[in-house]
PDB file of N, CA and C in Angstrom:
ATOM      1  N   MET A   1     114.497  76.868  93.570  1.00  0.00           N
ATOM      2  CA  MET A   1     113.696  77.421  94.622  1.00  0.00           C
ATOM      3  C   MET A   1     112.370  76.690  94.655  1.00  0.00           C
ATOM      4  N   VAL A   2     111.694  76.781  95.780  1.00  0.00           N
ATOM      5  CA  VAL A   2     110.364  76.199  95.916  1.00  0.00           C
ATOM      6  C   VAL A   2     109.418  77.347  96.237  1.00  0.00           C
ATOM      7  N   LEU A   3     108.370  77.461  95.436  1.00  0.00           N
ATOM      8  CA  LEU A   3     107.433  78.575  95.539  1.00  0.00           C
ATOM      9  C   LEU A   3     106.058  78.051  95.931  1.00  0.00           C
ATOM     10  N   PHE A   4     105.494  78.600  96.992  1.00  0.00           N
ATOM     11  CA  PHE A   4     104.195  78.180  97.486  1.00  0.00           C
ATOM     12  C   PHE A   4     103.158  79.236  97.120  1.00  0.00           C
ATOM     13  N   MET A   5     102.058  78.800  96.496  1.00  0.00           N
ATOM     14  CA  MET A   5     100.980  79.724  96.150  1.00  0.00           C
ATOM     15  C   MET A   5     100.370  80.284  97.430  1.00  0.00           C
ATOM     16  N   ARG A   6      99.997  81.555  97.384  1.00  0.00           N
ATOM     17  CA  ARG A   6      99.308  82.168  98.527  1.00  0.00           C
ATOM     18  C   ARG A   6      97.925  81.546  98.686  1.00  0.00           C
ATOM     19  N   ASP A   7      97.218  81.387  97.568  1.00  0.00           N
ATOM     20  CA  ASP A   7      95.926  80.700  97.548  1.00  0.00           C
ATOM     21  C   ASP A   7      95.685  80.184  96.139  1.00  0.00           C
ATOM     22  N   ASN A   8      94.776  79.246  96.015  1.00  0.00           N
ATOM     23  CA  ASN A   8      94.466  78.643  94.725  1.00  0.00           C
ATOM     24  C   ASN A   8      93.367  79.459  94.045  1.00  0.00           C
ATOM     25  N   HIS A   9      93.745  80.221  93.016  1.00  0.00           N
ATOM     26  CA  HIS A   9      92.778  81.012  92.250  1.00  0.00           C
ATOM     27  C   HIS A   9      93.237  81.059  90.795  1.00  0.00           C
ATOM     28  N   PRO A  10      92.317  81.320  89.866  1.00  0.00           N
ATOM     29  CA  PRO A  10      92.709  81.416  88.466  1.00  0.00           C
ATOM     30  C   PRO A  10      93.785  82.491  88.289  1.00  0.00           C
ATOM     31  N   GLY A  11      94.890  82.122  87.671  1.00  0.00           N
ATOM     32  CA  GLY A  11      95.973  83.068  87.436  1.00  0.00           C
ATOM     33  C   GLY A  11      97.055  83.047  88.494  1.00  0.00           C
ATOM     34  N   ALA A  12      96.948  82.195  89.515  1.00  0.00           N
ATOM     35  CA  ALA A  12      97.955  82.161  90.584  1.00  0.00           C
ATOM     36  C   ALA A  12      99.332  81.781  90.024  1.00  0.00           C
ATOM     37  N   LEU A  13      99.379  80.777  89.167  1.00  0.00           N
ATOM     38  CA  LEU A  13     100.659  80.389  88.575  1.00  0.00           C
ATOM     39  C   LEU A  13     101.163  81.480  87.638  1.00  0.00           C
ATOM     40  N   LEU A  14     100.270  82.114  86.909  1.00  0.00           N
ATOM     41  CA  LEU A  14     100.652  83.204  86.010  1.00  0.00           C
ATOM     42  C   LEU A  14     101.323  84.339  86.792  1.00  0.00           C
ATOM     43  N   GLU A  15     100.791  84.680  87.965  1.00  0.00           N
ATOM     44  CA  GLU A  15     101.390  85.729  88.793  1.00  0.00           C
ATOM     45  C   GLU A  15     102.832  85.384  89.154  1.00  0.00           C
ATOM     46  N   ILE A  16     103.078  84.117  89.425  1.00  0.00           N
ATOM     47  CA  ILE A  16     104.435  83.660  89.756  1.00  0.00           C
ATOM     48  C   ILE A  16     105.330  83.756  88.526  1.00  0.00           C
ATOM     49  N   LEU A  17     104.861  83.235  87.394  1.00  0.00           N
ATOM     50  CA  LEU A  17     105.676  83.216  86.180  1.00  0.00           C
ATOM     51  C   LEU A  17     105.970  84.621  85.660  1.00  0.00           C
ATOM     52  N   GLU A  18     105.046  85.551  85.856  1.00  0.00           N
ATOM     53  CA  GLU A  18     105.261  86.931  85.403  1.00  0.00           C
ATOM     54  C   GLU A  18     106.453  87.582  86.100  1.00  0.00           C
ATOM     55  N   GLN A  19     106.759  87.159  87.318  1.00  0.00           N
ATOM     56  CA  GLN A  19     107.897  87.727  88.039  1.00  0.00           C
ATOM     57  C   GLN A  19     109.202  87.428  87.303  1.00  0.00           C
ATOM     58  N   PHE A  20     109.256  86.276  86.660  1.00  0.00           N
ATOM     59  CA  PHE A  20     110.445  85.910  85.886  1.00  0.00           C
ATOM     60  C   PHE A  20     110.398  86.530  84.491  1.00  0.00           C
ATOM     61  N   ALA A  21     109.274  86.376  83.807  1.00  0.00           N
ATOM     62  CA  ALA A  21     109.146  86.816  82.419  1.00  0.00           C
ATOM     63  C   ALA A  21     109.366  88.310  82.274  1.00  0.00           C
ATOM     64  N   SER A  22     108.808  89.106  83.161  1.00  0.00           N
ATOM     65  CA  SER A  22     108.921  90.560  83.034  1.00  0.00           C
ATOM     66  C   SER A  22     110.350  91.048  83.235  1.00  0.00           C
ATOM     67  N   ARG A  23     111.194  90.205  83.810  1.00  0.00           N
ATOM     68  CA  ARG A  23     112.596  90.585  84.044  1.00  0.00           C
ATOM     69  C   ARG A  23     113.563  89.828  83.133  1.00  0.00           C
ATOM     70  N   GLY A  24     113.024  89.027  82.212  1.00  0.00           N
ATOM     71  CA  GLY A  24     113.862  88.305  81.258  1.00  0.00           C
ATOM     72  C   GLY A  24     114.632  87.148  81.862  1.00  0.00           C
ATOM     73  N   VAL A  25     114.108  86.551  82.936  1.00  0.00           N
ATOM     74  CA  VAL A  25     114.766  85.405  83.566  1.00  0.00           C
ATOM     75  C   VAL A  25     114.176  84.124  82.978  1.00  0.00           C
ATOM     76  N   ASN A  26     115.042  83.309  82.385  1.00  0.00           N
ATOM     77  CA  ASN A  26     114.610  82.060  81.765  1.00  0.00           C
ATOM     78  C   ASN A  26     114.492  80.965  82.817  1.00  0.00           C
ATOM     79  N   LEU A  27     113.408  80.198  82.748  1.00  0.00           N
ATOM     80  CA  LEU A  27     113.241  79.053  83.635  1.00  0.00           C
ATOM     81  C   LEU A  27     113.697  77.794  82.913  1.00  0.00           C
ATOM     82  N   CYS A  28     114.509  77.003  83.582  1.00  0.00           N
ATOM     83  CA  CYS A  28     115.024  75.750  83.020  1.00  0.00           C
ATOM     84  C   CYS A  28     114.124  74.578  83.361  1.00  0.00           C
ATOM     85  N   ARG A  29     113.422  74.698  84.498  1.00  0.00           N
ATOM     86  CA  ARG A  29     112.575  73.595  84.955  1.00  0.00           C
ATOM     87  C   ARG A  29     111.512  74.154  85.889  1.00  0.00           C
ATOM     88  N   ILE A  30     110.309  73.622  85.766  1.00  0.00           N
ATOM     89  CA  ILE A  30     109.236  73.931  86.715  1.00  0.00           C
ATOM     90  C   ILE A  30     108.429  72.657  86.910  1.00  0.00           C
ATOM     91  N   GLU A  31     108.159  72.343  88.159  1.00  0.00           N
ATOM     92  CA  GLU A  31     107.429  71.121  88.493  1.00  0.00           C
ATOM     93  C   GLU A  31     106.442  71.440  89.612  1.00  0.00           C
ATOM     94  N   SER A  32     105.198  71.048  89.433  1.00  0.00           N
ATOM     95  CA  SER A  32     104.202  71.271  90.484  1.00  0.00           C
ATOM     96  C   SER A  32     104.152  70.061  91.398  1.00  0.00           C
ATOM     97  N   ARG A  33     103.965  70.334  92.669  1.00  0.00           N
ATOM     98  CA  ARG A  33     103.869  69.275  93.675  1.00  0.00           C
ATOM     99  C   ARG A  33     102.751  69.626  94.648  1.00  0.00           C
ATOM    100  N   PRO A  34     101.883  68.676  94.976  1.00  0.00           N
ATOM    101  CA  PRO A  34     100.849  68.962  95.975  1.00  0.00           C
ATOM    102  C   PRO A  34     101.499  69.124  97.351  1.00  0.00           C
ATOM    103  N   THR A  35     101.000  70.066  98.130  1.00  0.00           N
ATOM    104  CA  THR A  35     101.560  70.274  99.474  1.00  0.00           C
ATOM    105  C   THR A  35     100.959  69.309 100.482  1.00  0.00           C
ATOM    106  N   LYS A  36      99.861  68.665 100.134  1.00  0.00           N
ATOM    107  CA  LYS A  36      99.135  67.717 100.987  1.00  0.00           C
ATOM    108  C   LYS A  36      98.464  68.403 102.179  1.00  0.00           C
ATOM    109  N   ARG A  37      98.373  69.743 102.125  1.00  0.00           N
ATOM    110  CA  ARG A  37      97.661  70.466 103.185  1.00  0.00           C
ATOM    111  C   ARG A  37      96.171  70.501 102.901  1.00  0.00           C
ATOM    112  N   SER A  38      95.816  70.736 101.627  1.00  0.00           N
ATOM    113  CA  SER A  38      94.411  70.728 101.222  1.00  0.00           C
ATOM    114  C   SER A  38      94.347  70.509  99.714  1.00  0.00           C
ATOM    115  N   LEU A  39      93.183  70.126  99.241  1.00  0.00           N
ATOM    116  CA  LEU A  39      92.984  69.888  97.815  1.00  0.00           C
ATOM    117  C   LEU A  39      93.213  71.182  97.037  1.00  0.00           C
ATOM    118  N   GLY A  40      94.021  71.132  95.995  1.00  0.00           N
ATOM    119  CA  GLY A  40      94.297  72.307  95.175  1.00  0.00           C
ATOM    120  C   GLY A  40      95.427  73.174  95.695  1.00  0.00           C
ATOM    121  N   ASP A  41      96.094  72.754  96.767  1.00  0.00           N
ATOM    122  CA  ASP A  41      97.206  73.523  97.335  1.00  0.00           C
ATOM    123  C   ASP A  41      98.509  72.944  96.789  1.00  0.00           C
ATOM    124  N   TYR A  42      99.200  73.743  95.961  1.00  0.00           N
ATOM    125  CA  TYR A  42     100.402  73.267  95.288  1.00  0.00           C
ATOM    126  C   TYR A  42     101.589  74.171  95.576  1.00  0.00           C
ATOM    127  N   CYS A  43     102.766  73.586  95.453  1.00  0.00           N
ATOM    128  CA  CYS A  43     103.994  74.372  95.431  1.00  0.00           C
ATOM    129  C   CYS A  43     104.678  74.048  94.102  1.00  0.00           C
ATOM    130  N   PHE A  44     105.615  74.900  93.716  1.00  0.00           N
ATOM    131  CA  PHE A  44     106.308  74.734  92.444  1.00  0.00           C
ATOM    132  C   PHE A  44     107.810  74.739  92.684  1.00  0.00           C
ATOM    133  N   SER A  45     108.456  73.693  92.225  1.00  0.00           N
ATOM    134  CA  SER A  45     109.911  73.614  92.269  1.00  0.00           C
ATOM    135  C   SER A  45     110.419  74.194  90.953  1.00  0.00           C
ATOM    136  N   VAL A  46     111.294  75.208  91.038  1.00  0.00           N
ATOM    137  CA  VAL A  46     111.702  75.979  89.867  1.00  0.00           C
ATOM    138  C   VAL A  46     113.220  76.108  89.806  1.00  0.00           C
ATOM    139  N   ASP A  47     113.780  75.888  88.629  1.00  0.00           N
ATOM    140  CA  ASP A  47     115.187  76.204  88.350  1.00  0.00           C
ATOM    141  C   ASP A  47     115.198  77.357  87.361  1.00  0.00           C
ATOM    142  N   ALA A  48     115.965  78.388  87.657  1.00  0.00           N
ATOM    143  CA  ALA A  48     116.039  79.575  86.796  1.00  0.00           C
ATOM    144  C   ALA A  48     117.477  79.839  86.408  1.00  0.00           C
ATOM    145  N   GLU A  49     117.673  80.406  85.209  1.00  0.00           N
ATOM    146  CA  GLU A  49     119.013  80.807  84.777  1.00  0.00           C
ATOM    147  C   GLU A  49     119.389  82.111  85.463  1.00  0.00           C
ATOM    148  N   GLY A  50     120.622  82.197  85.895  1.00  0.00           N
ATOM    149  CA  GLY A  50     121.103  83.410  86.537  1.00  0.00           C
ATOM    150  C   GLY A  50     121.547  83.124  87.956  1.00  0.00           C
ATOM    151  N   HIS A  51     122.206  84.087  88.557  1.00  0.00           N
ATOM    152  CA  HIS A  51     122.716  83.978  89.917  1.00  0.00           C
ATOM    153  C   HIS A  51     121.973  84.967  90.796  1.00  0.00           C
ATOM    154  N   ILE A  52     121.836  84.665  92.045  1.00  0.00           N
ATOM    155  CA  ILE A  52     121.112  85.538  92.964  1.00  0.00           C
ATOM    156  C   ILE A  52     121.748  86.933  93.029  1.00  0.00           C
ATOM    157  N   ASP A  53     123.015  87.049  92.703  1.00  0.00           N
ATOM    158  CA  ASP A  53     123.687  88.352  92.674  1.00  0.00           C
ATOM    159  C   ASP A  53     123.344  89.167  91.429  1.00  0.00           C
ATOM    160  N   ASP A  54     122.729  88.527  90.417  1.00  0.00           N
ATOM    161  CA  ASP A  54     122.292  89.246  89.219  1.00  0.00           C
ATOM    162  C   ASP A  54     121.057  90.072  89.570  1.00  0.00           C
ATOM    163  N   ALA A  55     121.036  91.316  89.156  1.00  0.00           N
ATOM    164  CA  ALA A  55     119.933  92.212  89.488  1.00  0.00           C
ATOM    165  C   ALA A  55     118.591  91.647  89.024  1.00  0.00           C
ATOM    166  N   ARG A  56     118.547  91.060  87.824  1.00  0.00           N
ATOM    167  CA  ARG A  56     117.281  90.544  87.287  1.00  0.00           C
ATOM    168  C   ARG A  56     116.695  89.450  88.179  1.00  0.00           C
ATOM    169  N   LEU A  57     117.543  88.509  88.603  1.00  0.00           N
ATOM    170  CA  LEU A  57     117.048  87.416  89.430  1.00  0.00           C
ATOM    171  C   LEU A  57     116.720  87.905  90.843  1.00  0.00           C
ATOM    172  N   ALA A  58     117.525  88.816  91.368  1.00  0.00           N
ATOM    173  CA  ALA A  58     117.254  89.367  92.700  1.00  0.00           C
ATOM    174  C   ALA A  58     115.915  90.105  92.711  1.00  0.00           C
ATOM    175  N   GLU A  59     115.633  90.871  91.657  1.00  0.00           N
ATOM    176  CA  GLU A  59     114.355  91.579  91.564  1.00  0.00           C
ATOM    177  C   GLU A  59     113.190  90.599  91.435  1.00  0.00           C
ATOM    178  N   ALA A  60     113.399  89.524  90.675  1.00  0.00           N
ATOM    179  CA  ALA A  60     112.351  88.505  90.543  1.00  0.00           C
ATOM    180  C   ALA A  60     112.061  87.870  91.896  1.00  0.00           C
ATOM    181  N   MET A  61     113.098  87.624  92.686  1.00  0.00           N
ATOM    182  CA  MET A  61     112.906  87.044  94.016  1.00  0.00           C
ATOM    183  C   MET A  61     112.102  87.989  94.912  1.00  0.00           C
ATOM    184  N   MET A  62     112.375  89.282  94.832  1.00  0.00           N
ATOM    185  CA  MET A  62     111.598  90.245  95.622  1.00  0.00           C
ATOM    186  C   MET A  62     110.130  90.221  95.204  1.00  0.00           C
ATOM    187  N   GLY A  63     109.886  90.149  93.887  1.00  0.00           N
ATOM    188  CA  GLY A  63     108.522  90.067  93.392  1.00  0.00           C
ATOM    189  C   GLY A  63     107.830  88.791  93.845  1.00  0.00           C
ATOM    190  N   LEU A  64     108.571  87.688  93.885  1.00  0.00           N
ATOM    191  CA  LEU A  64     107.992  86.417  94.324  1.00  0.00           C
ATOM    192  C   LEU A  64     107.555  86.486  95.782  1.00  0.00           C
ATOM    193  N   HIS A  65     108.309  87.182  96.603  1.00  0.00           N
ATOM    194  CA  HIS A  65     107.928  87.322  98.011  1.00  0.00           C
ATOM    195  C   HIS A  65     106.620  88.098  98.162  1.00  0.00           C
ATOM    196  N   ARG A  66     106.296  88.942  97.168  1.00  0.00           N
ATOM    197  CA  ARG A  66     105.036  89.688  97.218  1.00  0.00           C
ATOM    198  C   ARG A  66     103.834  88.839  96.799  1.00  0.00           C
ATOM    199  N   VAL A  67     104.025  87.901  95.848  1.00  0.00           N
ATOM    200  CA  VAL A  67     102.887  87.152  95.306  1.00  0.00           C
ATOM    201  C   VAL A  67     102.758  85.728  95.847  1.00  0.00           C
ATOM    202  N   CYS A  68     103.802  85.207  96.482  1.00  0.00           N
ATOM    203  CA  CYS A  68     103.775  83.829  96.980  1.00  0.00           C
ATOM    204  C   CYS A  68     103.503  83.794  98.480  1.00  0.00           C
ATOM    205  N   GLY A  69     102.937  82.689  98.931  1.00  0.00           N
ATOM    206  CA  GLY A  69     102.751  82.483 100.355  1.00  0.00           C
ATOM    207  C   GLY A  69     104.074  82.253 101.047  1.00  0.00           C
ATOM    208  N   ASP A  70     105.015  81.576 100.358  1.00  0.00           N
ATOM    209  CA  ASP A  70     106.355  81.320 100.892  1.00  0.00           C
ATOM    210  C   ASP A  70     107.288  81.077  99.720  1.00  0.00           C
ATOM    211  N   VAL A  71     108.534  81.484  99.891  1.00  0.00           N
ATOM    212  CA  VAL A  71     109.579  81.275  98.890  1.00  0.00           C
ATOM    213  C   VAL A  71     110.751  80.633  99.612  1.00  0.00           C
ATOM    214  N   VAL A  72     111.153  79.447  99.163  1.00  0.00           N
ATOM    215  CA  VAL A  72     112.301  78.762  99.750  1.00  0.00           C
ATOM    216  C   VAL A  72     113.422  78.773  98.714  1.00  0.00           C
ATOM    217  N   PHE A  73     114.489  79.511  99.010  1.00  0.00           N
ATOM    218  CA  PHE A  73     115.636  79.617  98.104  1.00  0.00           C
ATOM    219  C   PHE A  73     116.589  78.476  98.440  1.00  0.00           C
ATOM    220  N   LEU A  74     116.879  77.638  97.458  1.00  0.00           N
ATOM    221  CA  LEU A  74     117.701  76.447  97.686  1.00  0.00           C
ATOM    222  C   LEU A  74     119.161  76.641  97.332  1.00  0.00           C
ATOM    223  N   GLY A  75     119.505  77.771  96.732  1.00  0.00           N
ATOM    224  CA  GLY A  75     120.902  78.033  96.410  1.00  0.00           C
ATOM    225  C   GLY A  75     121.073  78.532  94.997  1.00  0.00           C
ATOM    226  N   SER A  76     122.251  79.064  94.744  1.00  0.00           N
ATOM    227  CA  SER A  76     122.584  79.607  93.439  1.00  0.00           C
ATOM    228  C   SER A  76     123.915  78.991  93.031  1.00  0.00           C
ATOM    229  N   TYR A  77     123.919  78.313  91.903  1.00  0.00           N
ATOM    230  CA  TYR A  77     125.079  77.543  91.484  1.00  0.00           C
ATOM    231  C   TYR A  77     125.489  77.915  90.068  1.00  0.00           C
ATOM    232  N   PRO A  78     126.790  77.869  89.753  1.00  0.00           N
ATOM    233  CA  PRO A  78     127.208  78.157  88.375  1.00  0.00           C
ATOM    234  C   PRO A  78     126.760  77.042  87.433  1.00  0.00           C
ATOM    235  N   ARG A  79     126.534  77.441  86.175  1.00  0.00           N
ATOM    236  CA  ARG A  79     126.187  76.451  85.164  1.00  0.00           C
ATOM    237  C   ARG A  79     127.356  75.510  84.948  1.00  0.00           C
ATOM    238  N   ALA A  80     127.056  74.262  84.642  1.00  0.00           N
ATOM    239  CA  ALA A  80     128.095  73.270  84.412  1.00  0.00           C
ATOM    240  C   ALA A  80     128.959  73.634  83.209  1.00  0.00           C
ATOM    241  N   ASP A  81     128.347  74.277  82.175  1.00  0.00           N
ATOM    242  CA  ASP A  81     129.115  74.637  80.977  1.00  0.00           C
ATOM    243  C   ASP A  81     129.747  76.029  81.092  1.00  0.00           C
ATOM    244  N   LEU A  82     129.564  76.697  82.232  1.00  0.00           N
ATOM    245  CA  LEU A  82     130.165  77.996  82.550  1.00  0.00           C
ATOM    246  C   LEU A  82     129.793  79.118  81.584  1.00  0.00           C
ATOM    247  N   THR A  83     128.700  78.961  80.822  1.00  0.00           N
ATOM    248  CA  THR A  83     128.276  80.022  79.916  1.00  0.00           C
ATOM    249  C   THR A  83     127.302  80.953  80.626  1.00  0.00           C
ATOM    250  N   GLU A  84     127.280  82.204  80.197  1.00  0.00           N
ATOM    251  CA  GLU A  84     126.371  83.202  80.754  1.00  0.00           C
ATOM    252  C   GLU A  84     124.985  83.011  80.131  1.00  0.00           C
ATOM    253  N   PRO A  85     123.917  83.273  80.879  1.00  0.00           N
ATOM    254  CA  PRO A  85     122.580  83.171  80.285  1.00  0.00           C
ATOM    255  C   PRO A  85     122.377  84.219  79.200  1.00  0.00           C
ATOM    256  N   THR A  86     121.575  83.878  78.209  1.00  0.00           N
ATOM    257  CA  THR A  86     121.239  84.804  77.136  1.00  0.00           C
ATOM    258  C   THR A  86     120.077  85.679  77.591  1.00  0.00           C
ATOM    259  N   ILE A  87     120.251  86.994  77.468  1.00  0.00           N
ATOM    260  CA  ILE A  87     119.215  87.935  77.880  1.00  0.00           C
ATOM    261  C   ILE A  87     118.666  88.605  76.626  1.00  0.00           C
ATOM    262  N   PRO A  88     117.344  88.533  76.422  1.00  0.00           N
ATOM    263  CA  PRO A  88     116.764  89.178  75.245  1.00  0.00           C
ATOM    264  C   PRO A  88     117.075  90.678  75.237  1.00  0.00           C
ATOM    265  N   ALA A  89     117.302  91.241  74.058  1.00  0.00           N
ATOM    266  CA  ALA A  89     117.676  92.648  73.921  1.00  0.00           C
ATOM    267  C   ALA A  89     116.640  93.589  74.531  1.00  0.00           C
ATOM    268  N   TRP A  90     115.359  93.225  74.482  1.00  0.00           N
ATOM    269  CA  TRP A  90     114.324  94.112  75.010  1.00  0.00           C
ATOM    270  C   TRP A  90     114.321  94.174  76.532  1.00  0.00           C
ATOM    271  N   HIS A  91     115.155  93.329  77.206  1.00  0.00           N
ATOM    272  CA  HIS A  91     115.264  93.377  78.672  1.00  0.00           C
ATOM    273  C   HIS A  91     116.496  94.133  79.136  1.00  0.00           C
ATOM    274  N   LEU A  92     117.318  94.555  78.201  1.00  0.00           N
ATOM    275  CA  LEU A  92     118.552  95.257  78.581  1.00  0.00           C
ATOM    276  C   LEU A  92     118.311  96.730  78.791  1.00  0.00           C
TER     277      LEU A  92
END
């Protein structure tokens, strides 16, 4: 997915990451990219473990829509090794 910050302020990235962490969703990759709209305006390309049909990831997506300026969902694909993501016991 591609996540656009609503505005550039201290803790903006933390607000985005908390949507995943509080629900036990592991991120496999995160990359910041300038949007070229203005200085300090970034978007984040993110790969997360889980499927959009999983309640944890679906809830994280709803939270992202509340804290991000825009959320672009690029798709949900099975893992190449076909294993299920590991969920910490405190999130069950």
